[in-house]
């Protein structure tokens, strides 16, 4: 009996190792620039950048939407650049029974960049709120909780007891999101007639012996048509001068100010402009303010309405004023802010303010 127990105890680690899927082990959680970042790329040569963008935006709007106390949503879109940024929030469940429920709230950012014939996706800035019903819960970041050194044993052969379950279910969520996006692109190709829909194999039709056709009587040649006299060439029309877009005019502006609070105005650099976009069917404007600019952030935090003004060279009067009703605020890393405006410093942290454009 004693020998049998020793044999069972010896085999338990081997059984646990066998039950750990290789996809959760060493290297399954990549770290880029100090951040856990899952990434993939879809190659779809048949789609242009605009078609890819429209397909991915439709998928993102269906995938990231508020539900109950979760605040998932599409945060930013720029069709010209092919960029989409969304914030995800949901529960991942570790185990559930009639007597207990073990789960954690997970939040993350999902970034999509569309190009002609391809699309890249990233899932990053992953955060967890565990056991939230008890004293506000325990907060963890992916960088301190699911990386190899934390979530695997020393030999990297199996998942750690606590951190391991977070790692496993986060990888499962990542796989589900990437697969869902891939499925959406495939369905769009089928809808466009570019890729055939799967069909059941057709029944085999017996061969039929064909009777030789009766020879066709040669057709009498058609009398040649008299050539048409060429038309006189049209006089070329002078091309119209292209109309400058509002985005181009904003880029040429030399000053940008924000007026908030009790008509208090502060000047910010052009790198603070994030652009126009769509959010839940509303026209919105995006502004980014360095978190170290305490006065500007304080005024924006205390204000429900604000306006962004743009000035041309040598003018004290704005040529464009964008009136906004504040919708939300989102913290961004410098790297994320730089993707929205290349002039931003990727070593700083920013607050992004999203406002509905009031006509």
Protein backbone atom coordinates (compact mmCIF):
# COMPACT_ATOMS: atom_id res chain seq x y z
CA UNK A 1 0.00 0.00 0.00
CA UNK A 2 2.82 2.37 0.93
CA UNK A 3 4.57 1.69 -2.39
CA UNK A 4 1.32 2.40 -4.23
CA UNK A 5 0.93 5.80 -2.52
CA UNK A 6 4.51 6.72 -3.33
CA UNK A 7 3.92 5.81 -6.97
CA UNK A 8 0.78 8.00 -7.07
CA UNK A 9 2.62 10.95 -5.50
CA UNK A 10 5.46 10.53 -8.00
CA UNK A 11 3.07 10.55 -10.95
CA UNK A 12 1.04 13.62 -9.92
CA UNK A 13 3.56 16.19 -11.27
CA UNK A 14 3.78 14.24 -14.52
CA UNK A 15 -0.01 14.26 -14.85
CA UNK A 16 -0.15 18.00 -14.21
CA UNK A 17 2.56 18.56 -16.83
CA UNK A 18 0.70 16.45 -19.38
CA UNK A 19 -2.45 18.50 -18.82
CA UNK A 20 -0.69 21.83 -19.56
CA UNK A 21 -1.12 22.73 -23.20
CA UNK A 22 2.12 23.86 -24.85
CA UNK A 23 0.48 27.05 -26.08
CA UNK A 24 0.37 28.41 -22.52
CA UNK A 25 4.04 27.77 -21.71
CA UNK A 26 7.29 29.70 -22.30
CA UNK A 27 7.06 32.47 -24.87
CA UNK A 28 3.24 32.46 -25.05
CA UNK A 29 3.00 35.92 -23.45
CA UNK A 30 5.23 38.34 -25.44
CA UNK A 31 6.52 41.56 -23.85
CA UNK A 32 7.24 44.51 -26.16
CA UNK A 33 8.76 47.73 -24.78
CA UNK A 34 7.91 46.57 -21.28
CA UNK A 35 4.24 45.88 -22.09
CA UNK A 36 2.51 42.54 -22.57
CA UNK A 37 1.32 42.81 -26.18
CA UNK A 38 -0.38 40.06 -28.18
CA UNK A 39 -0.30 40.74 -31.92
CA UNK A 40 -1.26 39.13 -35.21
CA UNK A 41 -1.66 40.08 -38.85
CA UNK A 42 -4.32 39.13 -41.38
CA UNK A 43 -3.22 38.89 -45.02
CA UNK A 44 -6.16 39.64 -47.34
CA UNK A 45 -4.77 40.72 -50.75
CA UNK A 46 -8.30 41.03 -52.22
CA UNK A 47 -9.26 43.99 -50.00
CA UNK A 48 -8.20 47.61 -50.30
CA UNK A 49 -7.31 49.61 -47.19
CA UNK A 50 -10.76 51.25 -47.10
CA UNK A 51 -12.55 47.91 -47.49
CA UNK A 52 -10.40 46.40 -44.75
CA UNK A 53 -11.09 49.40 -42.49
CA UNK A 54 -14.87 49.21 -43.04
CA UNK A 55 -14.87 45.47 -42.30
CA UNK A 56 -12.80 45.79 -39.12
CA UNK A 57 -14.76 48.81 -37.88
CA UNK A 58 -18.01 46.88 -38.28
CA UNK A 59 -16.48 43.98 -36.32
CA UNK A 60 -15.13 46.28 -33.61
CA UNK A 61 -18.49 48.04 -33.16
CA UNK A 62 -20.20 44.67 -32.75
CA UNK A 63 -17.52 43.32 -30.40
CA UNK A 64 -16.72 46.29 -28.16
CA UNK A 65 -19.94 47.83 -26.88
CA UNK A 66 -21.18 48.78 -23.38
CA UNK A 67 -23.04 46.06 -21.55
CA UNK A 68 -24.24 46.44 -17.96
CA UNK A 69 -21.38 47.81 -15.87
CA UNK A 70 -18.79 47.11 -18.54
CA UNK A 71 -17.57 50.08 -20.56
CA UNK A 72 -16.27 48.40 -23.73
CA UNK A 73 -16.38 50.72 -26.75
CA UNK A 74 -14.60 51.90 -29.88
CA UNK A 75 -12.50 54.87 -28.74
CA UNK A 76 -10.92 56.19 -31.92
CA UNK A 77 -11.18 55.83 -35.68
CA UNK A 78 -9.22 57.39 -38.52
CA UNK A 79 -10.11 55.98 -41.94
CA UNK A 80 -7.36 57.87 -43.76
CA UNK A 81 -4.73 56.24 -41.55
CA UNK A 82 -6.63 52.94 -41.27
CA UNK A 83 -6.53 53.15 -37.45
CA UNK A 84 -9.10 51.86 -34.95
CA UNK A 85 -8.65 51.81 -31.16
CA UNK A 86 -11.08 50.10 -28.79
CA UNK A 87 -11.27 49.49 -25.06
CA UNK A 88 -12.44 46.06 -23.89
CA UNK A 89 -13.85 45.11 -20.51
CA UNK A 90 -15.46 41.83 -19.48
CA UNK A 91 -15.31 38.90 -17.08
CA UNK A 92 -13.16 35.83 -17.58
CA UNK A 93 -14.40 32.89 -15.53
CA UNK A 94 -11.97 30.39 -14.02
CA UNK A 95 -14.56 28.08 -12.46
CA UNK A 96 -18.25 28.14 -11.70
CA UNK A 97 -20.51 25.93 -9.64
CA UNK A 98 -23.72 26.16 -7.65
CA UNK A 99 -21.69 27.07 -4.54
CA UNK A 100 -18.87 29.24 -5.89
CA UNK A 101 -17.87 31.52 -8.75
CA UNK A 102 -14.20 32.25 -9.42
CA UNK A 103 -13.71 35.02 -11.96
CA UNK A 104 -11.86 38.27 -12.63
CA UNK A 105 -12.72 41.46 -14.46
CA UNK A 106 -10.27 42.13 -17.32
CA UNK A 107 -9.78 45.40 -19.20
CA UNK A 108 -7.52 45.96 -22.20
CA UNK A 109 -6.93 48.04 -25.31
CA UNK A 110 -7.38 46.57 -28.78
CA UNK A 111 -5.57 48.39 -31.61
CA UNK A 112 -6.24 47.75 -35.30
CA UNK A 113 -4.20 49.14 -38.20
CA UNK A 114 -5.44 48.54 -41.75
CA UNK A 115 -3.28 48.61 -44.88
CA UNK A 116 -3.96 47.58 -48.49
CA UNK A 117 -4.33 43.81 -48.42
CA UNK A 118 -3.56 43.32 -44.74
CA UNK A 119 -4.50 44.24 -41.19
CA UNK A 120 -2.52 44.13 -37.94
CA UNK A 121 -4.11 43.75 -34.49
CA UNK A 122 -2.72 44.27 -30.99
CA UNK A 123 -4.14 43.49 -27.54
CA UNK A 124 -2.24 45.40 -24.84
CA UNK A 125 -2.53 47.44 -21.57
CA UNK A 126 -4.15 44.44 -19.87
CA UNK A 127 -5.45 44.94 -16.32
CA UNK A 128 -7.24 42.66 -13.86
CA UNK A 129 -9.61 43.35 -10.95
CA UNK A 130 -9.94 40.15 -8.93
CA UNK A 131 -12.31 39.38 -6.04
CA UNK A 132 -13.83 42.85 -6.45
CA UNK A 133 -16.65 42.14 -3.97
CA UNK A 134 -14.12 42.08 -1.13
CA UNK A 135 -12.74 45.49 -0.06
CA UNK A 136 -12.64 46.80 -3.62
CA UNK A 137 -10.79 43.78 -5.00
CA UNK A 138 -7.16 43.10 -5.93
CA UNK A 139 -5.65 44.90 -8.91
CA UNK A 140 -2.95 43.39 -11.13
CA UNK A 141 -1.30 44.24 -14.44
CA UNK A 142 -0.40 41.65 -17.04
CA UNK A 143 3.26 42.69 -16.76
CA UNK A 144 3.42 41.71 -13.08
CA UNK A 145 1.05 38.75 -13.17
CA UNK A 146 1.06 36.57 -16.32
CA UNK A 147 4.61 36.83 -17.72
CA UNK A 148 6.80 33.69 -17.85
CA UNK A 149 8.67 34.41 -14.60
CA UNK A 150 5.44 34.78 -12.61
CA UNK A 151 2.93 32.38 -14.16
CA UNK A 152 5.18 29.37 -14.85
CA UNK A 153 7.18 27.10 -12.59
CA UNK A 154 10.99 27.39 -12.52
CA UNK A 155 11.49 24.81 -15.25
CA UNK A 156 8.79 26.48 -17.41
CA UNK A 157 6.98 23.16 -17.82
CA UNK A 158 3.61 24.00 -16.24
CA UNK A 159 1.41 26.85 -15.08
CA UNK A 160 1.72 28.23 -11.56
CA UNK A 161 -1.33 27.55 -9.33
CA UNK A 162 -2.68 31.15 -9.05
CA UNK A 163 -1.10 33.30 -11.77
CA UNK A 164 -1.36 30.42 -14.21
CA UNK A 165 -5.14 30.54 -14.45
CA UNK A 166 -4.99 34.25 -15.35
CA UNK A 167 -2.40 33.50 -18.04
CA UNK A 168 -4.39 30.58 -19.51
CA UNK A 169 -7.71 32.43 -19.75
CA UNK A 170 -6.10 35.64 -21.07
CA UNK A 171 -4.48 33.66 -23.89
CA UNK A 172 -7.84 31.98 -24.58
CA UNK A 173 -9.54 35.41 -24.76
CA UNK A 174 -6.84 36.71 -27.11
CA UNK A 175 -7.27 33.68 -29.39
CA UNK A 176 -11.05 34.11 -29.42
CA UNK A 177 -10.79 37.81 -30.38
CA UNK A 178 -8.28 37.20 -33.18
CA UNK A 179 -10.34 34.27 -34.52
CA UNK A 180 -13.54 36.33 -34.39
CA UNK A 181 -11.92 39.11 -36.43
CA UNK A 182 -10.61 36.58 -38.97
CA UNK A 183 -14.10 35.06 -39.30
CA UNK A 184 -15.59 38.52 -39.88
CA UNK A 185 -13.15 39.17 -42.73
CA UNK A 186 -13.96 35.78 -44.28
CA UNK A 187 -17.71 36.48 -44.11
CA UNK A 188 -17.13 39.86 -45.77
CA UNK A 189 -15.22 38.21 -48.62
CA UNK A 190 -18.11 35.80 -49.13
CA UNK A 191 -20.65 38.66 -49.08
CA UNK A 192 -18.60 40.53 -51.70
CA UNK A 193 -18.43 37.43 -53.90
CA UNK A 194 -14.63 37.38 -53.69
CA UNK A 195 -14.51 34.10 -51.80
CA UNK A 196 -17.06 31.33 -52.46
CA UNK A 197 -19.17 30.13 -49.56
CA UNK A 198 -18.62 26.51 -48.48
CA UNK A 199 -21.00 24.15 -50.29
CA UNK A 200 -21.87 20.47 -49.96
CA UNK A 201 -20.25 18.16 -52.55
CA UNK A 202 -22.41 17.88 -55.67
CA UNK A 203 -23.86 14.51 -56.70
CA UNK A 204 -21.98 12.73 -59.49
CA UNK A 205 -23.89 12.96 -62.79
CA UNK A 206 -23.63 9.91 -65.12
CA UNK A 207 -21.76 10.52 -68.35
CA UNK A 208 -23.97 11.11 -71.42
CA UNK A 209 -23.01 10.10 -74.95
CA UNK A 210 -23.33 13.15 -77.21
CA UNK A 211 -24.59 12.79 -80.83
CA UNK A 212 -22.25 14.61 -83.26
CA UNK A 213 -23.72 17.94 -84.30
CA UNK A 214 -24.74 18.65 -87.89
CA UNK A 215 -22.08 20.75 -89.64
CA UNK A 216 -22.99 24.45 -89.73
CA UNK A 217 -23.43 26.14 -93.12
CA UNK A 218 -20.70 28.78 -93.60
CA UNK A 219 -21.95 32.36 -93.09
CA UNK A 220 -21.73 34.78 -96.01
CA UNK A 221 -19.05 37.41 -95.26
CA UNK A 222 -20.43 40.80 -94.14
CA UNK A 223 -19.81 43.75 -96.41
CA UNK A 224 -17.16 46.03 -94.83
CA UNK A 225 -18.57 49.15 -93.16
CA UNK A 226 -17.49 52.54 -94.47
CA UNK A 227 -15.03 54.13 -91.97
CA UNK A 228 -16.49 56.91 -89.84
CA UNK A 229 -14.94 60.32 -90.17
CA UNK A 230 -12.94 61.08 -86.99
CA UNK A 231 -14.44 63.64 -84.64
CA UNK A 232 -12.68 66.94 -84.07
CA UNK A 233 -10.68 66.73 -80.80
CA UNK A 234 -12.22 68.61 -77.88
CA UNK A 235 -10.39 71.57 -76.40
CA UNK A 236 -8.84 70.54 -73.05
CA UNK A 237 -10.63 71.95 -70.02
CA UNK A 238 -8.51 73.87 -67.52
CA UNK A 239 -8.31 71.72 -64.34
CA UNK A 240 -10.00 73.08 -61.22
CA UNK A 241 -7.85 74.11 -58.29
CA UNK A 242 -8.26 71.41 -55.62
CA UNK A 243 -10.12 72.48 -52.50
CA UNK A 244 -7.97 72.17 -49.38
CA UNK A 245 -9.44 69.80 -46.79
CA UNK A 246 -10.13 70.95 -43.24
CA UNK A 247 -7.50 68.49 -41.94
CA UNK A 248 -4.87 70.07 -44.18
CA UNK A 249 -5.88 73.54 -43.00
CA UNK A 250 -5.63 72.42 -39.37
CA UNK A 251 -2.09 71.13 -40.04
CA UNK A 252 -1.16 74.55 -41.42
CA UNK A 253 -2.48 76.38 -38.35
CA UNK A 254 0.24 77.91 -36.16
CA UNK A 255 -1.67 78.05 -32.85
CA UNK A 256 -4.28 75.94 -31.07
CA UNK A 257 -6.15 76.87 -27.87
CA UNK A 258 -8.78 75.28 -25.65
CA UNK A 259 -11.37 77.34 -23.79
CA UNK A 260 -13.04 75.63 -20.82
CA UNK A 261 -14.43 76.39 -17.39
CA UNK A 262 -15.41 80.05 -16.96
CA UNK A 263 -14.09 80.96 -20.40
CA UNK A 264 -10.53 80.28 -19.28
CA UNK A 265 -8.27 79.77 -22.27
CA UNK A 266 -4.98 77.91 -22.41
CA UNK A 267 -2.69 77.35 -25.37
CA UNK A 268 -1.56 73.88 -26.35
CA UNK A 269 0.72 72.59 -29.08
CA UNK A 270 -0.56 71.20 -32.37
CA UNK A 271 0.50 67.73 -31.22
CA UNK A 272 -2.45 67.85 -28.82
CA UNK A 273 -4.90 67.60 -31.72
CA UNK A 274 -6.05 64.02 -32.28
CA UNK A 275 -8.50 64.58 -35.13
CA UNK A 276 -12.18 64.02 -35.90
CA UNK A 277 -13.95 60.67 -35.81
CA UNK A 278 -17.15 58.73 -35.14
CA UNK A 279 -18.23 57.32 -31.77
CA UNK A 280 -21.62 55.56 -31.50
CA UNK A 281 -22.98 57.50 -34.46
CA UNK A 282 -21.80 60.88 -33.17
CA UNK A 283 -19.27 63.24 -34.71
CA UNK A 284 -16.48 63.57 -32.16
CA UNK A 285 -13.17 65.39 -31.76
CA UNK A 286 -10.11 64.01 -29.95
CA UNK A 287 -7.63 66.08 -27.93
CA UNK A 288 -4.55 64.82 -26.08
CA UNK A 289 -3.03 66.71 -23.16
CA UNK A 290 0.24 65.85 -21.45
CA UNK A 291 -0.59 64.63 -17.92
CA UNK A 292 2.07 66.98 -16.53
CA UNK A 293 0.00 69.98 -17.74
CA UNK A 294 -1.94 70.15 -14.48
CA UNK A 295 -3.85 73.39 -15.21
CA UNK A 296 -5.15 72.25 -18.60
CA UNK A 297 -6.19 68.83 -17.29
CA UNK A 298 -7.86 70.37 -14.24
CA UNK A 299 -9.95 72.71 -16.41
CA UNK A 300 -10.94 69.87 -18.75
CA UNK A 301 -11.86 67.59 -15.82
CA UNK A 302 -14.10 70.28 -14.31
CA UNK A 303 -15.82 71.23 -17.57
CA UNK A 304 -18.68 69.59 -19.44
CA UNK A 305 -18.30 71.86 -22.48
CA UNK A 306 -15.23 73.30 -24.15
CA UNK A 307 -14.10 74.66 -27.49
CA UNK A 308 -10.96 74.15 -29.57
CA UNK A 309 -9.75 77.12 -31.63
CA UNK A 310 -7.23 77.20 -34.50
CA UNK A 311 -5.29 80.27 -35.69
CA UNK A 312 -3.47 81.02 -38.92
CA UNK A 313 -0.14 82.83 -39.23
CA UNK A 314 -0.36 86.52 -38.22
CA UNK A 315 -4.01 86.36 -37.09
CA UNK A 316 -5.35 86.87 -33.57
CA UNK A 317 -8.80 85.64 -34.55
CA UNK A 318 -9.41 81.90 -34.95
CA UNK A 319 -10.33 80.69 -38.41
CA UNK A 320 -12.00 77.58 -36.93
CA UNK A 321 -13.73 77.00 -33.59
CA UNK A 322 -14.88 73.47 -32.68
CA UNK A 323 -17.50 73.45 -29.91
CA UNK A 324 -17.50 70.22 -27.94
CA UNK A 325 -19.54 68.48 -25.25
CA UNK A 326 -17.24 66.21 -23.24
CA UNK A 327 -18.07 62.51 -23.51
CA UNK A 328 -15.15 60.72 -21.88
CA UNK A 329 -11.54 60.80 -20.79
CA UNK A 330 -8.99 58.02 -21.45
CA UNK A 331 -5.41 57.68 -20.20
CA UNK A 332 -2.87 56.90 -22.94
CA UNK A 333 0.79 55.95 -22.86
CA UNK A 334 3.21 58.03 -24.90
CA UNK A 335 3.51 55.22 -27.45
CA UNK A 336 -0.27 55.13 -27.96
CA UNK A 337 -0.45 58.93 -28.17
CA UNK A 338 2.31 58.93 -30.79
CA UNK A 339 0.21 56.63 -32.98
CA UNK A 340 -2.53 59.28 -32.97
CA UNK A 341 -0.15 62.19 -33.61
CA UNK A 342 3.49 61.62 -34.54
CA UNK A 343 4.49 64.85 -32.77
CA UNK A 344 3.71 63.41 -29.32
CA UNK A 345 6.54 62.30 -27.01
CA UNK A 346 6.44 58.53 -26.45
CA UNK A 347 8.22 59.00 -23.09
CA UNK A 348 5.28 60.90 -21.59
CA UNK A 349 1.78 59.97 -20.47
CA UNK A 350 -1.31 61.67 -21.86
CA UNK A 351 -5.01 62.13 -21.20
CA UNK A 352 -7.27 61.81 -24.26
CA UNK A 353 -10.49 63.82 -24.14
CA UNK A 354 -13.31 62.82 -26.47
CA UNK A 355 -15.99 65.45 -27.12
CA UNK A 356 -19.13 65.41 -29.21
CA UNK A 357 -18.95 68.12 -31.85
CA UNK A 358 -21.81 70.54 -31.21
CA UNK A 359 -23.04 72.18 -34.39
